[in-house]
């Protein structure tokens, strides 16, 4: 059975297994701030099928990047109302650990930015003092010039260094740094232009209930968090519908206005108009 067929089969099962989420509040829209459609996913899941999955999941928007960028461009061409393109500095998966020292990766970013429009550079992997190397510094400059975000899979030290380079930078912190809320909140307090995605995390909600420490973070910063699936391998496309429904379940444990902000309003207000805005 092909991956595309297996995913379609799983979609039917996920829909049947999530009656609570699919009935809640006419199905809460989801803005997914962290998705990938890389070269290996393109090979086994045609673009039209990928778009169908995003719509089946009830996504209002999906921020998509890929290694290489062609997958992102294919999805955006098919569904510009749904897909918001991001630019990874990766031509293949192997670039993840070398891009910040690779002049060819920098040229690739510059060439793509000259050819296409994006809402962010990223998601890229970068940690600590590596943020101060020449190529990451240039990427920060490019984001500033093009008036787009940096989507950083980074530790708090790296995030601080990005803002030191450009105090007006706009950063989406992938996975909220995989840090506990006690470490995320202080960084949010220091930087008004920092947002966090919750991709590939489950500690914020389990069994339809929100963790107490995360609840406090969401209450203090209801306008700074977004959900995300993170389809970092082709197999992760199995879980897009299931993840959207799981997100709806724990979001239902929050006050309605907070839930709506995290589910879709934050992403829409921050990124929704960027592809049509001037600049």
Protein backbone atom coordinates (compact mmCIF):
# COMPACT_ATOMS: atom_id res chain seq x y z
CA UNK A 1 0.00 0.00 0.00
CA UNK A 2 1.41 3.41 -0.95
CA UNK A 3 2.05 6.05 1.69
CA UNK A 4 -0.66 8.22 0.13
CA UNK A 5 -3.21 5.40 0.44
CA UNK A 6 -2.10 4.58 4.01
CA UNK A 7 -2.51 8.22 5.00
CA UNK A 8 -5.98 8.37 3.48
CA UNK A 9 -6.93 5.24 5.42
CA UNK A 10 -5.60 6.68 8.64
CA UNK A 11 -7.54 9.90 8.08
CA UNK A 12 -10.80 7.97 8.16
CA UNK A 13 -9.75 6.22 11.35
CA UNK A 14 -8.66 9.45 13.05
CA UNK A 15 -11.96 11.10 12.24
CA UNK A 16 -13.86 8.19 13.74
CA UNK A 17 -11.71 8.15 16.89
CA UNK A 18 -12.10 11.85 17.72
CA UNK A 19 -15.83 12.52 18.12
CA UNK A 20 -15.40 15.06 20.90
CA UNK A 21 -13.01 17.29 19.00
CA UNK A 22 -14.90 17.14 15.73
CA UNK A 23 -18.15 18.20 17.40
CA UNK A 24 -16.70 20.95 19.58
CA UNK A 25 -17.79 24.49 18.71
CA UNK A 26 -18.42 23.73 15.04
CA UNK A 27 -14.84 22.46 14.81
CA UNK A 28 -12.30 25.00 16.03
CA UNK A 29 -10.15 26.23 13.12
CA UNK A 30 -6.45 25.50 13.42
CA UNK A 31 -3.54 27.61 12.22
CA UNK A 32 -0.66 25.14 12.00
CA UNK A 33 2.55 27.14 12.40
CA UNK A 34 5.01 24.31 11.81
CA UNK A 35 4.83 21.95 8.85
CA UNK A 36 7.29 20.51 6.33
CA UNK A 37 6.83 19.01 2.88
CA UNK A 38 10.36 17.97 1.99
CA UNK A 39 11.71 16.17 -1.07
CA UNK A 40 11.11 12.70 0.39
CA UNK A 41 7.48 13.55 1.24
CA UNK A 42 6.91 14.91 -2.28
CA UNK A 43 8.08 11.58 -3.70
CA UNK A 44 5.45 9.52 -1.87
CA UNK A 45 2.60 11.99 -1.24
CA UNK A 46 1.46 14.03 -4.27
CA UNK A 47 0.85 17.73 -3.64
CA UNK A 48 -2.88 17.44 -4.27
CA UNK A 49 -3.13 14.69 -1.64
CA UNK A 50 -1.13 16.75 0.85
CA UNK A 51 -3.45 19.73 0.37
CA UNK A 52 -6.46 17.44 0.80
CA UNK A 53 -5.07 16.31 4.16
CA UNK A 54 -4.62 19.89 5.33
CA UNK A 55 -8.21 20.69 4.42
CA UNK A 56 -9.50 17.46 5.99
CA UNK A 57 -7.80 18.52 9.23
CA UNK A 58 -9.77 21.77 9.24
CA UNK A 59 -6.68 23.94 8.98
CA UNK A 60 -7.27 27.62 8.37
CA UNK A 61 -3.63 28.05 7.36
CA UNK A 62 -0.46 25.97 7.33
CA UNK A 63 3.00 27.45 7.51
CA UNK A 64 5.09 25.14 5.35
CA UNK A 65 8.82 24.84 4.74
CA UNK A 66 10.74 22.09 3.06
CA UNK A 67 14.12 20.70 2.13
CA UNK A 68 14.46 21.67 -0.68
CA UNK A 69 12.06 24.57 -1.26
CA UNK A 70 10.33 22.96 -4.23
CA UNK A 71 7.86 21.08 -2.05
CA UNK A 72 6.73 24.29 -0.41
CA UNK A 73 6.31 26.00 -3.77
CA UNK A 74 4.22 23.09 -5.10
CA UNK A 75 1.80 23.31 -2.16
CA UNK A 76 1.60 27.09 -2.31
CA UNK A 77 0.83 27.01 -6.05
CA UNK A 78 -2.04 24.59 -5.42
CA UNK A 79 -3.47 26.29 -2.32
CA UNK A 80 -2.36 29.91 -1.86
CA UNK A 81 -5.39 30.48 0.39
CA UNK A 82 -4.16 27.79 2.76
CA UNK A 83 -0.36 27.56 2.56
CA UNK A 84 2.03 30.19 3.91
CA UNK A 85 5.54 29.49 2.58
CA UNK A 86 8.67 29.59 4.70
CA UNK A 87 12.21 29.20 3.40
CA UNK A 88 14.52 26.66 5.02
CA UNK A 89 18.24 27.12 4.35
CA UNK A 90 18.37 23.37 3.64
CA UNK A 91 18.60 21.86 0.18
CA UNK A 92 18.58 18.35 1.67
CA UNK A 93 18.19 17.00 5.21
CA UNK A 94 21.94 16.79 5.65
CA UNK A 95 22.19 20.58 5.62
CA UNK A 96 20.56 20.75 9.05
CA UNK A 97 23.87 20.44 10.91
CA UNK A 98 26.07 22.36 8.47
CA UNK A 99 24.05 25.22 6.92
CA UNK A 100 25.33 27.89 9.30
CA UNK A 101 28.90 27.32 8.08
CA UNK A 102 28.06 26.74 4.40
CA UNK A 103 28.37 29.63 1.95
CA UNK A 104 26.43 27.62 -0.63
CA UNK A 105 23.48 27.41 1.77
CA UNK A 106 23.59 31.18 2.18
CA UNK A 107 23.64 31.69 -1.60
CA UNK A 108 20.66 29.34 -1.86
CA UNK A 109 18.71 31.46 0.65
CA UNK A 110 19.60 34.67 -1.17
CA UNK A 111 18.58 33.22 -4.54
CA UNK A 112 15.23 31.93 -3.28
CA UNK A 113 14.42 35.20 -1.51
CA UNK A 114 15.07 37.03 -4.77
CA UNK A 115 12.71 34.70 -6.65
CA UNK A 116 9.82 34.03 -4.23
CA UNK A 117 7.99 35.59 -1.33
CA UNK A 118 7.93 34.04 2.14
CA UNK A 119 6.62 34.79 5.62
CA UNK A 120 9.76 33.52 7.37
CA UNK A 121 13.23 32.06 7.04
CA UNK A 122 13.16 28.69 8.75
CA UNK A 123 12.57 26.49 10.45
CA UNK A 124 16.34 26.35 10.90
CA UNK A 125 18.38 24.60 13.60
CA UNK A 126 20.83 26.86 15.42
CA UNK A 127 22.16 26.89 18.97
CA UNK A 128 24.04 29.16 21.32
CA UNK A 129 27.06 31.07 20.05
CA UNK A 130 26.66 29.64 16.54
CA UNK A 131 24.08 32.40 16.07
CA UNK A 132 26.96 34.88 15.97
CA UNK A 133 28.74 33.19 13.06
CA UNK A 134 28.83 35.18 9.79
CA UNK A 135 26.18 33.17 7.90
CA UNK A 136 23.49 33.31 10.63
CA UNK A 137 24.22 37.03 10.99
CA UNK A 138 23.60 37.44 7.29
CA UNK A 139 20.34 35.50 7.59
CA UNK A 140 19.19 37.88 10.33
CA UNK A 141 20.01 40.78 8.01
CA UNK A 142 18.08 39.16 5.16
CA UNK A 143 15.02 38.65 7.35
CA UNK A 144 15.17 42.31 8.33
CA UNK A 145 15.53 43.45 4.72
CA UNK A 146 12.63 41.32 3.52
CA UNK A 147 10.50 42.13 6.60
CA UNK A 148 9.93 38.49 7.45
CA UNK A 149 10.25 36.26 10.51
CA UNK A 150 13.01 34.01 11.74
CA UNK A 151 11.64 30.55 12.66
CA UNK A 152 14.33 29.24 14.97
CA UNK A 153 14.71 25.71 16.34
CA UNK A 154 17.05 26.98 19.04
CA UNK A 155 17.88 27.24 22.69
CA UNK A 156 17.18 30.39 24.70
CA UNK A 157 20.79 31.53 24.36
CA UNK A 158 20.50 31.56 20.57
CA UNK A 159 17.18 33.43 20.71
CA UNK A 160 18.80 36.10 22.88
CA UNK A 161 21.68 36.42 20.41
CA UNK A 162 19.29 36.83 17.47
CA UNK A 163 17.58 39.72 19.24
CA UNK A 164 20.94 41.24 20.17
CA UNK A 165 21.81 41.34 16.47
CA UNK A 166 18.45 42.90 15.58
CA UNK A 167 16.34 44.17 18.52
CA UNK A 168 13.43 44.61 16.09
CA UNK A 169 13.64 41.06 14.73
CA UNK A 170 10.48 38.96 14.75
CA UNK A 171 11.14 35.41 15.91
CA UNK A 172 8.95 32.33 16.02
CA UNK A 173 10.56 29.97 18.54
CA UNK A 174 10.08 26.45 17.23
CA UNK A 175 8.81 23.96 19.81
CA UNK A 176 9.06 26.74 22.41
CA UNK A 177 12.67 25.64 22.62
CA UNK A 178 11.57 22.25 24.00
CA UNK A 179 11.84 24.13 27.30
CA UNK A 180 9.45 24.05 30.27
CA UNK A 181 7.13 27.05 30.65
CA UNK A 182 9.21 28.25 33.60
CA UNK A 183 12.04 28.89 31.12
CA UNK A 184 9.90 30.06 28.20
CA UNK A 185 7.97 32.78 30.06
CA UNK A 186 11.02 34.87 31.09
CA UNK A 187 12.19 35.01 27.46
CA UNK A 188 8.72 36.11 26.34
CA UNK A 189 8.78 38.83 28.99
CA UNK A 190 12.05 40.18 27.62
CA UNK A 191 11.06 40.20 23.94
CA UNK A 192 7.77 41.57 22.67
CA UNK A 193 8.53 40.30 19.14
CA UNK A 194 8.88 36.67 20.19
CA UNK A 195 6.20 34.07 19.49
CA UNK A 196 6.31 30.36 20.30
CA UNK A 197 5.00 27.32 18.48
CA UNK A 198 4.05 24.16 20.36
CA UNK A 199 4.96 21.72 17.60
CA UNK A 200 5.90 18.15 18.52
CA UNK A 201 5.11 18.69 22.21
CA UNK A 202 2.50 17.01 24.37
CA UNK A 203 3.37 18.32 27.83
CA UNK A 204 1.00 21.28 27.49
CA UNK A 205 -2.10 19.09 27.33
CA UNK A 206 -2.98 15.49 28.08
CA UNK A 207 -6.32 13.78 28.23
CA UNK A 208 -8.06 16.97 27.19
CA UNK A 209 -6.59 18.88 30.17
CA UNK A 210 -4.04 21.69 30.14
CA UNK A 211 -1.00 21.46 32.40
CA UNK A 212 -1.12 24.03 35.22
CA UNK A 213 2.24 25.65 34.43
CA UNK A 214 1.36 25.93 30.76
CA UNK A 215 -2.06 27.32 31.66
CA UNK A 216 -0.33 30.13 33.55
CA UNK A 217 1.90 30.82 30.53
CA UNK A 218 -1.05 30.85 28.13
CA UNK A 219 -2.97 33.16 30.47
CA UNK A 220 -0.10 35.62 30.72
CA UNK A 221 0.70 35.50 27.00
CA UNK A 222 -2.47 34.45 25.17
CA UNK A 223 -1.29 36.27 22.04
CA UNK A 224 2.13 34.61 21.74
CA UNK A 225 1.51 30.88 21.26
CA UNK A 226 0.53 28.81 18.20
CA UNK A 227 0.06 25.11 17.59
CA UNK A 228 2.00 23.01 15.10
CA UNK A 229 2.24 19.43 13.85
CA UNK A 230 5.83 19.28 12.53
CA UNK A 231 5.69 16.85 9.60
CA UNK A 232 9.47 16.43 9.69
CA UNK A 233 9.30 13.00 8.02
CA UNK A 234 6.83 11.75 5.39
CA UNK A 235 5.25 9.43 7.97
CA UNK A 236 4.25 12.42 10.11
CA UNK A 237 1.66 13.29 7.48
CA UNK A 238 -0.28 10.33 8.93
CA UNK A 239 -0.98 12.44 12.01
CA UNK A 240 -2.08 15.82 10.67
CA UNK A 241 -5.81 15.23 11.18
CA UNK A 242 -5.26 13.37 14.43
CA UNK A 243 -2.99 16.11 15.77
CA UNK A 244 -5.48 18.85 14.88
CA UNK A 245 -8.20 17.00 16.75
CA UNK A 246 -5.91 16.35 19.73
CA UNK A 247 -5.09 20.07 19.82
CA UNK A 248 -8.79 20.94 19.80
CA UNK A 249 -9.32 18.63 22.78
CA UNK A 250 -6.79 20.29 25.11
CA UNK A 251 -7.60 23.77 23.83
CA UNK A 252 -11.20 23.18 24.91
CA UNK A 253 -9.93 23.18 28.51
CA UNK A 254 -8.94 26.86 28.17
CA UNK A 255 -11.22 29.92 28.20
CA UNK A 256 -12.75 30.25 24.74
CA UNK A 257 -10.96 33.49 23.85
CA UNK A 258 -7.55 32.06 24.84
CA UNK A 259 -8.24 28.81 23.00
CA UNK A 260 -9.19 30.63 19.82
CA UNK A 261 -6.08 32.79 19.97
CA UNK A 262 -3.74 29.84 20.30
CA UNK A 263 -5.67 27.70 17.84
CA UNK A 264 -5.75 30.20 14.97
CA UNK A 265 -6.21 33.88 15.76
CA UNK A 266 -2.58 34.52 16.74
CA UNK A 267 -1.22 32.92 13.59
CA UNK A 268 -3.73 34.67 11.40
CA UNK A 269 -3.12 38.10 12.93
CA UNK A 270 0.68 37.76 12.78
CA UNK A 271 1.19 35.93 9.46
CA UNK A 272 -2.13 35.96 7.64
CA UNK A 273 -1.60 39.15 5.65
CA UNK A 274 2.11 38.87 4.97
CA UNK A 275 1.89 37.37 1.49
CA UNK A 276 -0.27 40.24 0.26
CA UNK A 277 1.39 43.05 2.23
CA UNK A 278 3.72 45.43 0.49
CA UNK A 279 7.39 45.70 1.21
